[in-house]
Amino acid sequence: MDVGADDLITEEEFFQVKTSIEDFERIRRALVEKKLNIENASLQWIPKTNHEISSEAAEKFEKLMDAIEDCDDVQNVFTNADLKD
């Protein structure tokens, strides 16, 4: 956080650093200068709000997402769906 990141999320085996697109490269360089091992540095679409999907619609939604991901022309799939358990 001392390099100017917006948020730091601690996972079991790694840290996820969130920052604005404008600060992305500056933050990445600062982390490299601190000799931190960066496994992946990429831009991601992160929703500001999530849309809750009911359990009835979840199966259809997951099939749709699988079909989209299986398309050879698709590189990444982002969603703001919040699937109920």
PDB file of N, CA and C in Angstrom:
ATOM      1  N   MET A   1       0.822  -1.195   0.000  1.00  0.00           N
ATOM      2  CA  MET A   1       0.000   0.000   0.000  1.00  0.00           C
ATOM      3  C   MET A   1       0.866   1.259   0.000  1.00  0.00           C
ATOM      4  N   ASP A   2       2.077   1.138   0.489  1.00  0.00           N
ATOM      5  CA  ASP A   2       2.924   2.330   0.561  1.00  0.00           C
ATOM      6  C   ASP A   2       3.424   2.799  -0.806  1.00  0.00           C
ATOM      7  N   VAL A   3       3.146   2.031  -1.875  1.00  0.00           N
ATOM      8  CA  VAL A   3       3.525   2.478  -3.225  1.00  0.00           C
ATOM      9  C   VAL A   3       2.372   3.176  -3.933  1.00  0.00           C
ATOM     10  N   GLY A   4       1.220   3.293  -3.253  1.00  0.00           N
ATOM     11  CA  GLY A   4       0.097   4.039  -3.809  1.00  0.00           C
ATOM     12  C   GLY A   4      -1.039   3.196  -4.348  1.00  0.00           C
ATOM     13  N   ALA A   5      -1.058   1.901  -4.043  1.00  0.00           N
ATOM     14  CA  ALA A   5      -2.135   1.029  -4.516  1.00  0.00           C
ATOM     15  C   ALA A   5      -3.452   1.402  -3.843  1.00  0.00           C
ATOM     16  N   ASP A   6      -4.565   1.108  -4.524  1.00  0.00           N
ATOM     17  CA  ASP A   6      -5.890   1.390  -3.973  1.00  0.00           C
ATOM     18  C   ASP A   6      -6.315   0.365  -2.940  1.00  0.00           C
ATOM     19  N   ASP A   7      -5.934  -0.908  -3.164  1.00  0.00           N
ATOM     20  CA  ASP A   7      -6.369  -1.976  -2.271  1.00  0.00           C
ATOM     21  C   ASP A   7      -5.387  -3.132  -2.353  1.00  0.00           C
ATOM     22  N   LEU A   8      -5.287  -3.881  -1.271  1.00  0.00           N
ATOM     23  CA  LEU A   8      -4.428  -5.054  -1.195  1.00  0.00           C
ATOM     24  C   LEU A   8      -5.260  -6.184  -0.605  1.00  0.00           C
ATOM     25  N   ILE A   9      -5.383  -7.272  -1.355  1.00  0.00           N
ATOM     26  CA  ILE A   9      -6.159  -8.425  -0.909  1.00  0.00           C
ATOM     27  C   ILE A   9      -5.186  -9.561  -0.636  1.00  0.00           C
ATOM     28  N   THR A  10      -5.257 -10.125   0.550  1.00  0.00           N
ATOM     29  CA  THR A  10      -4.370 -11.205   0.944  1.00  0.00           C
ATOM     30  C   THR A  10      -5.063 -12.540   0.706  1.00  0.00           C
ATOM     31  N   GLU A  11      -4.451 -13.378  -0.115  1.00  0.00           N
ATOM     32  CA  GLU A  11      -4.923 -14.735  -0.362  1.00  0.00           C
ATOM     33  C   GLU A  11      -3.980 -15.678   0.378  1.00  0.00           C
ATOM     34  N   GLU A  12      -4.241 -16.970   0.301  1.00  0.00           N
ATOM     35  CA  GLU A  12      -3.397 -17.933   1.016  1.00  0.00           C
ATOM     36  C   GLU A  12      -1.960 -17.924   0.517  1.00  0.00           C
ATOM     37  N   GLU A  13      -1.786 -17.922  -0.807  1.00  0.00           N
ATOM     38  CA  GLU A  13      -0.442 -18.042  -1.367  1.00  0.00           C
ATOM     39  C   GLU A  13       0.035 -16.798  -2.103  1.00  0.00           C
ATOM     40  N   PHE A  14      -0.802 -15.771  -2.194  1.00  0.00           N
ATOM     41  CA  PHE A  14      -0.396 -14.587  -2.936  1.00  0.00           C
ATOM     42  C   PHE A  14      -1.146 -13.364  -2.455  1.00  0.00           C
ATOM     43  N   PHE A  15      -0.732 -12.218  -2.966  1.00  0.00           N
ATOM     44  CA  PHE A  15      -1.396 -10.949  -2.701  1.00  0.00           C
ATOM     45  C   PHE A  15      -1.952 -10.425  -4.015  1.00  0.00           C
ATOM     46  N   GLN A  16      -3.101  -9.808  -3.957  1.00  0.00           N
ATOM     47  CA  GLN A  16      -3.691  -9.166  -5.128  1.00  0.00           C
ATOM     48  C   GLN A  16      -3.690  -7.665  -4.867  1.00  0.00           C
ATOM     49  N   VAL A  17      -3.066  -6.925  -5.769  1.00  0.00           N
ATOM     50  CA  VAL A  17      -2.954  -5.479  -5.629  1.00  0.00           C
ATOM     51  C   VAL A  17      -3.914  -4.841  -6.625  1.00  0.00           C
ATOM     52  N   LYS A  18      -4.761  -3.938  -6.141  1.00  0.00           N
ATOM     53  CA  LYS A  18      -5.700  -3.233  -7.010  1.00  0.00           C
ATOM     54  C   LYS A  18      -5.310  -1.766  -7.083  1.00  0.00           C
ATOM     55  N   THR A  19      -5.388  -1.250  -8.313  1.00  0.00           N
ATOM     56  CA  THR A  19      -5.072   0.153  -8.538  1.00  0.00           C
ATOM     57  C   THR A  19      -5.832   0.638  -9.764  1.00  0.00           C
ATOM     58  N   SER A  20      -5.835   1.918  -9.978  1.00  0.00           N
ATOM     59  CA  SER A  20      -6.505   2.466 -11.162  1.00  0.00           C
ATOM     60  C   SER A  20      -5.673   2.160 -12.396  1.00  0.00           C
ATOM     61  N   ILE A  21      -6.315   2.213 -13.548  1.00  0.00           N
ATOM     62  CA  ILE A  21      -5.609   1.965 -14.812  1.00  0.00           C
ATOM     63  C   ILE A  21      -4.505   3.006 -15.027  1.00  0.00           C
ATOM     64  N   GLU A  22      -4.741   4.220 -14.568  1.00  0.00           N
ATOM     65  CA  GLU A  22      -3.748   5.278 -14.729  1.00  0.00           C
ATOM     66  C   GLU A  22      -2.484   5.014 -13.914  1.00  0.00           C
ATOM     67  N   ASP A  23      -2.620   4.358 -12.764  1.00  0.00           N
ATOM     68  CA  ASP A  23      -1.479   4.097 -11.883  1.00  0.00           C
ATOM     69  C   ASP A  23      -0.878   2.715 -12.060  1.00  0.00           C
ATOM     70  N   PHE A  24      -1.458   1.901 -12.936  1.00  0.00           N
ATOM     71  CA  PHE A  24      -1.053   0.500 -13.077  1.00  0.00           C
ATOM     72  C   PHE A  24       0.447   0.329 -13.277  1.00  0.00           C
ATOM     73  N   GLU A  25       1.002   0.959 -14.289  1.00  0.00           N
ATOM     74  CA  GLU A  25       2.415   0.762 -14.605  1.00  0.00           C
ATOM     75  C   GLU A  25       3.326   1.317 -13.514  1.00  0.00           C
ATOM     76  N   ARG A  26       2.974   2.443 -12.953  1.00  0.00           N
ATOM     77  CA  ARG A  26       3.789   3.017 -11.866  1.00  0.00           C
ATOM     78  C   ARG A  26       3.822   2.081 -10.657  1.00  0.00           C
ATOM     79  N   ILE A  27       2.678   1.513 -10.308  1.00  0.00           N
ATOM     80  CA  ILE A  27       2.605   0.596  -9.165  1.00  0.00           C
ATOM     81  C   ILE A  27       3.380  -0.687  -9.477  1.00  0.00           C
ATOM     82  N   ARG A  28       3.229  -1.213 -10.690  1.00  0.00           N
ATOM     83  CA  ARG A  28       3.942  -2.430 -11.079  1.00  0.00           C
ATOM     84  C   ARG A  28       5.455  -2.238 -10.981  1.00  0.00           C
ATOM     85  N   ARG A  29       5.927  -1.106 -11.502  1.00  0.00           N
ATOM     86  CA  ARG A  29       7.367  -0.813 -11.430  1.00  0.00           C
ATOM     87  C   ARG A  29       7.839  -0.685  -9.988  1.00  0.00           C
ATOM     88  N   ALA A  30       7.049  -0.031  -9.153  1.00  0.00           N
ATOM     89  CA  ALA A  30       7.423   0.140  -7.749  1.00  0.00           C
ATOM     90  C   ALA A  30       7.542  -1.216  -7.041  1.00  0.00           C
ATOM     91  N   LEU A  31       6.655  -2.144  -7.363  1.00  0.00           N
ATOM     92  CA  LEU A  31       6.718  -3.480  -6.765  1.00  0.00           C
ATOM     93  C   LEU A  31       7.940  -4.254  -7.263  1.00  0.00           C
ATOM     94  N   VAL A  32       8.261  -4.105  -8.537  1.00  0.00           N
ATOM     95  CA  VAL A  32       9.455  -4.751  -9.090  1.00  0.00           C
ATOM     96  C   VAL A  32      10.706  -4.183  -8.423  1.00  0.00           C
ATOM     97  N   GLU A  33      10.750  -2.863  -8.242  1.00  0.00           N
ATOM     98  CA  GLU A  33      11.899  -2.226  -7.585  1.00  0.00           C
ATOM     99  C   GLU A  33      12.080  -2.710  -6.155  1.00  0.00           C
ATOM    100  N   LYS A  34      10.977  -3.098  -5.517  1.00  0.00           N
ATOM    101  CA  LYS A  34      11.052  -3.634  -4.152  1.00  0.00           C
ATOM    102  C   LYS A  34      11.391  -5.126  -4.158  1.00  0.00           C
ATOM    103  N   LYS A  35      11.705  -5.646  -5.364  1.00  0.00           N
ATOM    104  CA  LYS A  35      12.121  -7.038  -5.556  1.00  0.00           C
ATOM    105  C   LYS A  35      11.047  -8.049  -5.154  1.00  0.00           C
ATOM    106  N   LEU A  36       9.798  -7.676  -5.395  1.00  0.00           N
ATOM    107  CA  LEU A  36       8.696  -8.603  -5.150  1.00  0.00           C
ATOM    108  C   LEU A  36       8.472  -9.444  -6.404  1.00  0.00           C
ATOM    109  N   ASN A  37       8.220 -10.725  -6.219  1.00  0.00           N
ATOM    110  CA  ASN A  37       7.985 -11.631  -7.328  1.00  0.00           C
ATOM    111  C   ASN A  37       6.563 -11.428  -7.847  1.00  0.00           C
ATOM    112  N   ILE A  38       6.427 -10.934  -9.069  1.00  0.00           N
ATOM    113  CA  ILE A  38       5.116 -10.691  -9.660  1.00  0.00           C
ATOM    114  C   ILE A  38       4.796 -11.852 -10.591  1.00  0.00           C
ATOM    115  N   GLU A  39       3.821 -12.647 -10.197  1.00  0.00           N
ATOM    116  CA  GLU A  39       3.416 -13.795 -11.000  1.00  0.00           C
ATOM    117  C   GLU A  39       2.603 -13.363 -12.215  1.00  0.00           C
ATOM    118  N   ASN A  40       1.765 -12.350 -12.029  1.00  0.00           N
ATOM    119  CA  ASN A  40       0.908 -11.876 -13.109  1.00  0.00           C
ATOM    120  C   ASN A  40       0.588 -10.410 -12.847  1.00  0.00           C
ATOM    121  N   ALA A  41       0.741  -9.605 -13.882  1.00  0.00           N
ATOM    122  CA  ALA A  41       0.346  -8.197 -13.804  1.00  0.00           C
ATOM    123  C   ALA A  41      -0.511  -7.921 -15.035  1.00  0.00           C
ATOM    124  N   SER A  42      -1.798  -7.741 -14.816  1.00  0.00           N
ATOM    125  CA  SER A  42      -2.699  -7.554 -15.947  1.00  0.00           C
ATOM    126  C   SER A  42      -3.861  -6.649 -15.552  1.00  0.00           C
ATOM    127  N   LEU A  43      -4.480  -6.096 -16.578  1.00  0.00           N
ATOM    128  CA  LEU A  43      -5.667  -5.275 -16.361  1.00  0.00           C
ATOM    129  C   LEU A  43      -6.887  -6.187 -16.356  1.00  0.00           C
ATOM    130  N   GLN A  44      -7.784  -5.976 -15.419  1.00  0.00           N
ATOM    131  CA  GLN A  44      -8.987  -6.789 -15.287  1.00  0.00           C
ATOM    132  C   GLN A  44     -10.193  -5.869 -15.159  1.00  0.00           C
ATOM    133  N   TRP A  45     -11.318  -6.312 -15.701  1.00  0.00           N
ATOM    134  CA  TRP A  45     -12.574  -5.599 -15.492  1.00  0.00           C
ATOM    135  C   TRP A  45     -13.136  -6.054 -14.151  1.00  0.00           C
ATOM    136  N   ILE A  46     -13.314  -5.126 -13.245  1.00  0.00           N
ATOM    137  CA  ILE A  46     -13.858  -5.437 -11.919  1.00  0.00           C
ATOM    138  C   ILE A  46     -15.143  -4.636 -11.748  1.00  0.00           C
ATOM    139  N   PRO A  47     -16.265  -5.327 -11.528  1.00  0.00           N
ATOM    140  CA  PRO A  47     -17.537  -4.601 -11.431  1.00  0.00           C
ATOM    141  C   PRO A  47     -17.616  -3.759 -10.165  1.00  0.00           C
ATOM    142  N   LYS A  48     -18.313  -2.648 -10.278  1.00  0.00           N
ATOM    143  CA  LYS A  48     -18.554  -1.812  -9.100  1.00  0.00           C
ATOM    144  C   LYS A  48     -19.688  -2.389  -8.271  1.00  0.00           C
ATOM    145  N   THR A  49     -20.628  -3.042  -8.943  1.00  0.00           N
ATOM    146  CA  THR A  49     -21.726  -3.714  -8.245  1.00  0.00           C
ATOM    147  C   THR A  49     -21.915  -5.096  -8.848  1.00  0.00           C
ATOM    148  N   ASN A  50     -22.386  -6.022  -8.044  1.00  0.00           N
ATOM    149  CA  ASN A  50     -22.676  -7.372  -8.504  1.00  0.00           C
ATOM    150  C   ASN A  50     -24.178  -7.561  -8.639  1.00  0.00           C
ATOM    151  N   HIS A  51     -24.560  -8.441  -9.556  1.00  0.00           N
ATOM    152  CA  HIS A  51     -25.963  -8.762  -9.777  1.00  0.00           C
ATOM    153  C   HIS A  51     -26.199 -10.179  -9.264  1.00  0.00           C
ATOM    154  N   GLU A  52     -27.081 -10.315  -8.313  1.00  0.00           N
ATOM    155  CA  GLU A  52     -27.344 -11.618  -7.707  1.00  0.00           C
ATOM    156  C   GLU A  52     -28.164 -12.492  -8.650  1.00  0.00           C
ATOM    157  N   ILE A  53     -27.674 -13.701  -8.890  1.00  0.00           N
ATOM    158  CA  ILE A  53     -28.353 -14.668  -9.742  1.00  0.00           C
ATOM    159  C   ILE A  53     -29.005 -15.721  -8.842  1.00  0.00           C
ATOM    160  N   SER A  54     -30.291 -15.937  -9.030  1.00  0.00           N
ATOM    161  CA  SER A  54     -31.006 -16.909  -8.197  1.00  0.00           C
ATOM    162  C   SER A  54     -30.514 -18.322  -8.488  1.00  0.00           C
ATOM    163  N   SER A  55     -30.750 -19.223  -7.577  1.00  0.00           N
ATOM    164  CA  SER A  55     -30.318 -20.604  -7.753  1.00  0.00           C
ATOM    165  C   SER A  55     -31.012 -21.254  -8.947  1.00  0.00           C
ATOM    166  N   GLU A  56     -32.237 -20.814  -9.256  1.00  0.00           N
ATOM    167  CA  GLU A  56     -32.959 -21.359 -10.405  1.00  0.00           C
ATOM    168  C   GLU A  56     -32.279 -20.959 -11.721  1.00  0.00           C
ATOM    169  N   ALA A  57     -31.780 -19.755 -11.797  1.00  0.00           N
ATOM    170  CA  ALA A  57     -31.151 -19.261 -13.018  1.00  0.00           C
ATOM    171  C   ALA A  57     -29.657 -19.582 -13.087  1.00  0.00           C
ATOM    172  N   ALA A  58     -29.061 -19.992 -11.988  1.00  0.00           N
ATOM    173  CA  ALA A  58     -27.618 -20.204 -11.921  1.00  0.00           C
ATOM    174  C   ALA A  58     -27.146 -21.279 -12.893  1.00  0.00           C
ATOM    175  N   GLU A  59     -27.879 -22.354 -13.013  1.00  0.00           N
ATOM    176  CA  GLU A  59     -27.468 -23.435 -13.909  1.00  0.00           C
ATOM    177  C   GLU A  59     -27.453 -22.966 -15.361  1.00  0.00           C
ATOM    178  N   LYS A  60     -28.488 -22.231 -15.764  1.00  0.00           N
ATOM    179  CA  LYS A  60     -28.534 -21.693 -17.129  1.00  0.00           C
ATOM    180  C   LYS A  60     -27.391 -20.707 -17.351  1.00  0.00           C
ATOM    181  N   PHE A  61     -27.141 -19.873 -16.353  1.00  0.00           N
ATOM    182  CA  PHE A  61     -26.072 -18.889 -16.452  1.00  0.00           C
ATOM    183  C   PHE A  61     -24.718 -19.577 -16.600  1.00  0.00           C
ATOM    184  N   GLU A  62     -24.470 -20.612 -15.815  1.00  0.00           N
ATOM    185  CA  GLU A  62     -23.197 -21.322 -15.889  1.00  0.00           C
ATOM    186  C   GLU A  62     -23.024 -22.000 -17.250  1.00  0.00           C
ATOM    187  N   LYS A  63     -24.097 -22.537 -17.816  1.00  0.00           N
ATOM    188  CA  LYS A  63     -24.019 -23.132 -19.155  1.00  0.00           C
ATOM    189  C   LYS A  63     -23.674 -22.072 -20.192  1.00  0.00           C
ATOM    190  N   LEU A  64     -24.285 -20.907 -20.065  1.00  0.00           N
ATOM    191  CA  LEU A  64     -23.990 -19.803 -20.977  1.00  0.00           C
ATOM    192  C   LEU A  64     -22.523 -19.394 -20.867  1.00  0.00           C
ATOM    193  N   MET A  65     -22.033 -19.235 -19.644  1.00  0.00           N
ATOM    194  CA  MET A  65     -20.637 -18.845 -19.437  1.00  0.00           C
ATOM    195  C   MET A  65     -19.692 -19.901 -20.012  1.00  0.00           C
ATOM    196  N   ASP A  66     -19.996 -21.185 -19.814  1.00  0.00           N
ATOM    197  CA  ASP A  66     -19.171 -22.258 -20.374  1.00  0.00           C
ATOM    198  C   ASP A  66     -19.135 -22.191 -21.896  1.00  0.00           C
ATOM    199  N   ALA A  67     -20.292 -21.942 -22.511  1.00  0.00           N
ATOM    200  CA  ALA A  67     -20.363 -21.855 -23.973  1.00  0.00           C
ATOM    201  C   ALA A  67     -19.533 -20.681 -24.487  1.00  0.00           C
ATOM    202  N   ILE A  68     -19.606 -19.554 -23.804  1.00  0.00           N
ATOM    203  CA  ILE A  68     -18.823 -18.378 -24.210  1.00  0.00           C
ATOM    204  C   ILE A  68     -17.335 -18.662 -24.071  1.00  0.00           C
ATOM    205  N   GLU A  69     -16.932 -19.251 -22.947  1.00  0.00           N
ATOM    206  CA  GLU A  69     -15.516 -19.542 -22.708  1.00  0.00           C
ATOM    207  C   GLU A  69     -14.973 -20.581 -23.688  1.00  0.00           C
ATOM    208  N   ASP A  70     -15.821 -21.478 -24.175  1.00  0.00           N
ATOM    209  CA  ASP A  70     -15.383 -22.511 -25.123  1.00  0.00           C
ATOM    210  C   ASP A  70     -15.166 -21.968 -26.531  1.00  0.00           C
ATOM    211  N   CYS A  71     -15.637 -20.788 -26.802  1.00  0.00           N
ATOM    212  CA  CYS A  71     -15.460 -20.168 -28.122  1.00  0.00           C
ATOM    213  C   CYS A  71     -13.984 -19.815 -28.319  1.00  0.00           C
ATOM    214  N   ASP A  72     -13.403 -20.273 -29.434  1.00  0.00           N
ATOM    215  CA  ASP A  72     -11.981 -20.044 -29.698  1.00  0.00           C
ATOM    216  C   ASP A  72     -11.607 -18.576 -29.800  1.00  0.00           C
ATOM    217  N   ASP A  73     -12.553 -17.733 -30.189  1.00  0.00           N
ATOM    218  CA  ASP A  73     -12.265 -16.309 -30.361  1.00  0.00           C
ATOM    219  C   ASP A  73     -12.311 -15.525 -29.054  1.00  0.00           C
ATOM    220  N   VAL A  74     -12.768 -16.149 -27.987  1.00  0.00           N
ATOM    221  CA  VAL A  74     -12.900 -15.470 -26.694  1.00  0.00           C
ATOM    222  C   VAL A  74     -11.623 -15.672 -25.886  1.00  0.00           C
ATOM    223  N   GLN A  75     -11.049 -14.561 -25.436  1.00  0.00           N
ATOM    224  CA  GLN A  75      -9.821 -14.627 -24.643  1.00  0.00           C
ATOM    225  C   GLN A  75     -10.099 -14.560 -23.151  1.00  0.00           C
ATOM    226  N   ASN A  76     -10.999 -13.689 -22.729  1.00  0.00           N
ATOM    227  CA  ASN A  76     -11.336 -13.517 -21.312  1.00  0.00           C
ATOM    228  C   ASN A  76     -12.837 -13.288 -21.183  1.00  0.00           C
ATOM    229  N   VAL A  77     -13.382 -13.738 -20.082  1.00  0.00           N
ATOM    230  CA  VAL A  77     -14.798 -13.511 -19.795  1.00  0.00           C
ATOM    231  C   VAL A  77     -14.894 -12.869 -18.419  1.00  0.00           C
ATOM    232  N   PHE A  78     -15.589 -11.755 -18.341  1.00  0.00           N
ATOM    233  CA  PHE A  78     -15.795 -11.058 -17.078  1.00  0.00           C
ATOM    234  C   PHE A  78     -17.289 -10.963 -16.821  1.00  0.00           C
ATOM    235  N   THR A  79     -17.683 -11.021 -15.571  1.00  0.00           N
ATOM    236  CA  THR A  79     -19.101 -10.938 -15.231  1.00  0.00           C
ATOM    237  C   THR A  79     -19.268 -10.230 -13.893  1.00  0.00           C
ATOM    238  N   ASN A  80     -20.440  -9.674 -13.693  1.00  0.00           N
ATOM    239  CA  ASN A  80     -20.766  -9.103 -12.397  1.00  0.00           C
ATOM    240  C   ASN A  80     -21.813  -9.961 -11.687  1.00  0.00           C
ATOM    241  N   ALA A  81     -21.920 -11.223 -12.118  1.00  0.00           N
ATOM    242  CA  ALA A  81     -22.888 -12.140 -11.520  1.00  0.00           C
ATOM    243  C   ALA A  81     -22.404 -12.598 -10.155  1.00  0.00           C
ATOM    244  N   ASP A  82     -23.330 -12.647  -9.234  1.00  0.00           N
ATOM    245  CA  ASP A  82     -23.080 -13.151  -7.891  1.00  0.00           C
ATOM    246  C   ASP A  82     -23.987 -14.373  -7.718  1.00  0.00           C
ATOM    247  N   LEU A  83     -23.397 -15.549  -7.899  1.00  0.00           N
ATOM    248  CA  LEU A  83     -24.182 -16.782  -7.837  1.00  0.00           C
ATOM    249  C   LEU A  83     -24.448 -17.170  -6.393  1.00  0.00           C
ATOM    250  N   LYS A  84     -25.698 -17.475  -6.103  1.00  0.00           N
ATOM    251  CA  LYS A  84     -26.044 -17.943  -4.756  1.00  0.00           C
ATOM    252  C   LYS A  84     -25.522 -19.357  -4.578  1.00  0.00           C
ATOM    253  N   ASP A  85     -25.173 -19.710  -3.360  1.00  0.00           N
ATOM    254  CA  ASP A  85     -24.654 -21.062  -3.083  1.00  0.00           C
ATOM    255  C   ASP A  85     -25.735 -22.111  -3.262  1.00  0.00           C
TER     256      ASP A  85
END
